[in-house]
Amino acid sequence: MSNIDQSDIQILAALQSNARQTNRAIAEEVGLAPSTTLERIRSLEGRGVVTGYHADVDLVALGRPLQAIVTLRLRPKTGAVIDSAISRLMELPETLGVFLLTGIDDLIVHVSVTDTDSLRHLVLDRISSIEGVVGDRTSLVFEHKQKRVAETLAD
């Protein structure tokens, strides 16, 4: 680990629970001076530990309540085909994430859409037409739980 101490761990936990809170509030929570806390946050950002800040969005409120996992097989399995497929998938507004795998399936795509007709169109017309895609399998997501805090692992 990149020289992460207990204070950094506490700062990371505070940022992950609410990245919009003030530096003063974080400092109070972790028991450090505001100037020290700000210096440590900037150091975490500079070292690439903190890579950005974002807003969580409710997909139902966006009108995209249906989520699915689409697994893809690619041929030929070359770097160029894989990179191109990932780029095309990431351009789709329905795509939430793409995972590159080992094993039978090559990619997992997490998508969210308005309804089953939209999912059908997305998979059959847009994803399947990506160069190199030779097989797909779609599973509906009933429920999605996600950890928002990446905890440090004990040695």
Protein backbone atom coordinates (compact mmCIF):
# COMPACT_ATOMS: atom_id res chain seq x y z
CA MET A 1 0.00 0.00 0.00
CA SER A 2 1.23 3.50 -0.78
CA ASN A 3 2.15 4.52 2.78
CA ILE A 4 -1.42 4.73 4.01
CA ASP A 5 -1.61 5.23 7.76
CA GLN A 6 -4.58 5.14 10.15
CA SER A 7 -5.33 8.85 9.69
CA ASP A 8 -5.41 8.41 5.90
CA ILE A 9 -7.76 5.44 6.32
CA GLN A 10 -10.09 7.57 8.43
CA ILE A 11 -9.97 10.42 5.91
CA LEU A 12 -10.74 8.00 3.06
CA ALA A 13 -13.69 6.57 4.98
CA ALA A 14 -15.02 10.09 5.64
CA LEU A 15 -14.63 11.10 1.99
CA GLN A 16 -16.32 7.92 0.77
CA SER A 17 -19.25 8.37 3.12
CA ASN A 18 -19.76 11.99 2.01
CA ALA A 19 -17.28 13.66 -0.32
CA ARG A 20 -19.23 16.93 -0.15
CA GLN A 21 -18.59 17.56 3.52
CA THR A 22 -16.24 20.38 4.38
CA ASN A 23 -12.59 19.90 5.14
CA ARG A 24 -13.31 21.24 8.63
CA ALA A 25 -15.97 18.54 9.19
CA ILE A 26 -13.59 15.80 8.02
CA ALA A 27 -10.83 17.17 10.27
CA GLU A 28 -13.18 17.14 13.24
CA GLU A 29 -14.30 13.58 12.46
CA VAL A 30 -10.74 12.22 12.22
CA GLY A 31 -9.25 14.33 15.00
CA LEU A 32 -6.72 16.32 12.95
CA ALA A 33 -6.20 20.01 12.31
CA PRO A 34 -8.00 21.29 9.20
CA SER A 35 -4.68 22.28 7.58
CA THR A 36 -3.23 18.79 8.19
CA THR A 37 -6.40 17.16 6.87
CA LEU A 38 -6.33 19.27 3.70
CA GLU A 39 -2.65 18.45 3.17
CA ARG A 40 -3.38 14.72 3.58
CA ILE A 41 -6.35 14.86 1.16
CA ARG A 42 -4.20 16.62 -1.43
CA SER A 43 -1.48 14.00 -0.89
CA LEU A 44 -4.00 11.17 -1.36
CA GLU A 45 -5.17 12.80 -4.59
CA GLY A 46 -1.60 13.44 -5.76
CA ARG A 47 -0.58 9.83 -5.15
CA GLY A 48 -3.59 8.56 -7.09
CA VAL A 49 -5.29 6.98 -4.07
CA VAL A 50 -8.27 9.31 -4.48
CA THR A 51 -9.01 9.37 -8.19
CA GLY A 52 -12.12 11.56 -8.24
CA TYR A 53 -15.46 12.47 -6.73
CA HIS A 54 -18.89 11.66 -8.08
CA ALA A 55 -22.61 11.84 -7.40
CA ASP A 56 -24.66 8.67 -6.95
CA VAL A 57 -27.69 8.71 -9.21
CA ASP A 58 -30.97 6.81 -8.78
CA LEU A 59 -31.52 4.89 -12.03
CA VAL A 60 -35.25 4.58 -11.35
CA ALA A 61 -35.52 8.36 -11.01
CA LEU A 62 -33.69 8.64 -14.37
CA GLY A 63 -36.30 6.41 -15.98
CA ARG A 64 -33.94 3.45 -16.34
CA PRO A 65 -35.21 0.97 -13.72
CA LEU A 66 -34.25 -2.25 -15.53
CA GLN A 67 -30.65 -3.43 -15.08
CA ALA A 68 -29.02 -6.37 -16.82
CA ILE A 69 -25.70 -8.12 -17.06
CA VAL A 70 -24.64 -9.02 -20.60
CA THR A 71 -21.73 -11.42 -21.04
CA LEU A 72 -19.93 -11.37 -24.37
CA ARG A 73 -17.59 -13.69 -26.22
CA LEU A 74 -15.23 -12.10 -28.75
CA ARG A 75 -13.38 -13.51 -31.76
CA PRO A 76 -10.65 -13.11 -32.67
CA LYS A 77 -9.54 -12.48 -29.13
CA THR A 78 -6.91 -9.87 -29.96
CA GLY A 79 -6.01 -6.70 -28.15
CA ALA A 80 -7.38 -4.57 -30.98
CA VAL A 81 -10.75 -6.36 -31.02
CA ILE A 82 -11.06 -6.23 -27.23
CA ASP A 83 -10.07 -2.55 -27.00
CA SER A 84 -12.44 -1.60 -29.81
CA ALA A 85 -15.35 -3.53 -28.26
CA ILE A 86 -14.78 -1.94 -24.85
CA SER A 87 -14.63 1.53 -26.41
CA ARG A 88 -17.87 0.96 -28.32
CA LEU A 89 -19.61 -0.42 -25.22
CA MET A 90 -18.51 2.53 -23.10
CA GLU A 91 -19.97 4.91 -25.70
CA LEU A 92 -23.45 3.43 -25.20
CA PRO A 93 -25.45 5.62 -22.79
CA GLU A 94 -27.03 2.51 -21.24
CA THR A 95 -23.64 1.12 -20.17
CA LEU A 96 -22.81 1.44 -16.47
CA GLY A 97 -19.60 -0.59 -16.54
CA VAL A 98 -17.51 -3.08 -18.50
CA PHE A 99 -15.33 -5.84 -17.06
CA LEU A 100 -12.62 -7.71 -19.01
CA LEU A 101 -12.45 -11.36 -17.94
CA THR A 102 -10.53 -14.55 -18.29
CA GLY A 103 -12.39 -17.78 -19.01
CA ILE A 104 -15.23 -18.60 -21.40
CA ASP A 105 -16.72 -15.12 -21.46
CA ASP A 106 -14.52 -12.18 -22.41
CA LEU A 107 -16.54 -9.19 -21.24
CA ILE A 108 -19.28 -8.43 -18.76
CA VAL A 109 -21.38 -5.35 -19.48
CA HIS A 110 -23.63 -3.83 -16.79
CA VAL A 111 -26.47 -1.87 -18.41
CA SER A 112 -29.60 -0.02 -17.35
CA VAL A 113 -32.58 0.60 -19.61
CA THR A 114 -36.19 1.76 -19.51
CA ASP A 115 -37.87 -1.60 -20.21
CA THR A 116 -37.49 -5.05 -21.77
CA ASP A 117 -38.08 -3.74 -25.28
CA SER A 118 -35.20 -1.31 -24.84
CA LEU A 119 -33.03 -4.14 -23.51
CA ARG A 120 -33.92 -6.33 -26.47
CA HIS A 121 -33.01 -3.55 -28.91
CA LEU A 122 -29.78 -2.77 -27.07
CA VAL A 123 -28.56 -6.36 -27.00
CA LEU A 124 -29.79 -7.64 -30.37
CA ASP A 125 -29.25 -4.56 -32.50
CA ARG A 126 -26.46 -2.56 -30.91
CA ILE A 127 -24.26 -4.77 -28.75
CA SER A 128 -24.39 -7.87 -30.97
CA SER A 129 -23.40 -5.78 -33.99
CA ILE A 130 -20.12 -4.69 -32.42
CA GLU A 131 -17.21 -6.09 -34.41
CA GLY A 132 -15.83 -9.25 -32.82
CA VAL A 133 -18.92 -10.16 -30.76
CA VAL A 134 -19.74 -13.81 -31.54
CA GLY A 135 -21.91 -14.67 -28.56
CA ASP A 136 -23.87 -13.04 -25.79
CA ARG A 137 -25.92 -14.01 -22.76
CA THR A 138 -28.20 -11.61 -20.88
CA SER A 139 -29.34 -11.86 -17.27
CA LEU A 140 -31.79 -9.48 -15.59
CA VAL A 141 -30.67 -7.94 -12.31
CA PHE A 142 -33.31 -8.32 -9.59
CA GLU A 143 -31.40 -6.34 -7.00
CA HIS A 144 -28.07 -4.51 -6.94
CA LYS A 145 -26.19 -3.87 -3.70
CA GLN A 146 -22.89 -2.07 -3.90
CA LYS A 147 -20.30 -1.24 -1.29
CA ARG A 148 -19.51 2.45 -1.39
CA VAL A 149 -16.48 2.23 0.88
CA ALA A 150 -13.31 0.44 -0.21
CA GLU A 151 -11.85 -0.66 3.08
CA THR A 152 -8.14 -1.24 3.48
CA LEU A 153 -7.10 -4.84 3.87
CA ALA A 154 -5.27 -6.01 6.98
CA ASP A 155 -1.75 -7.29 6.43
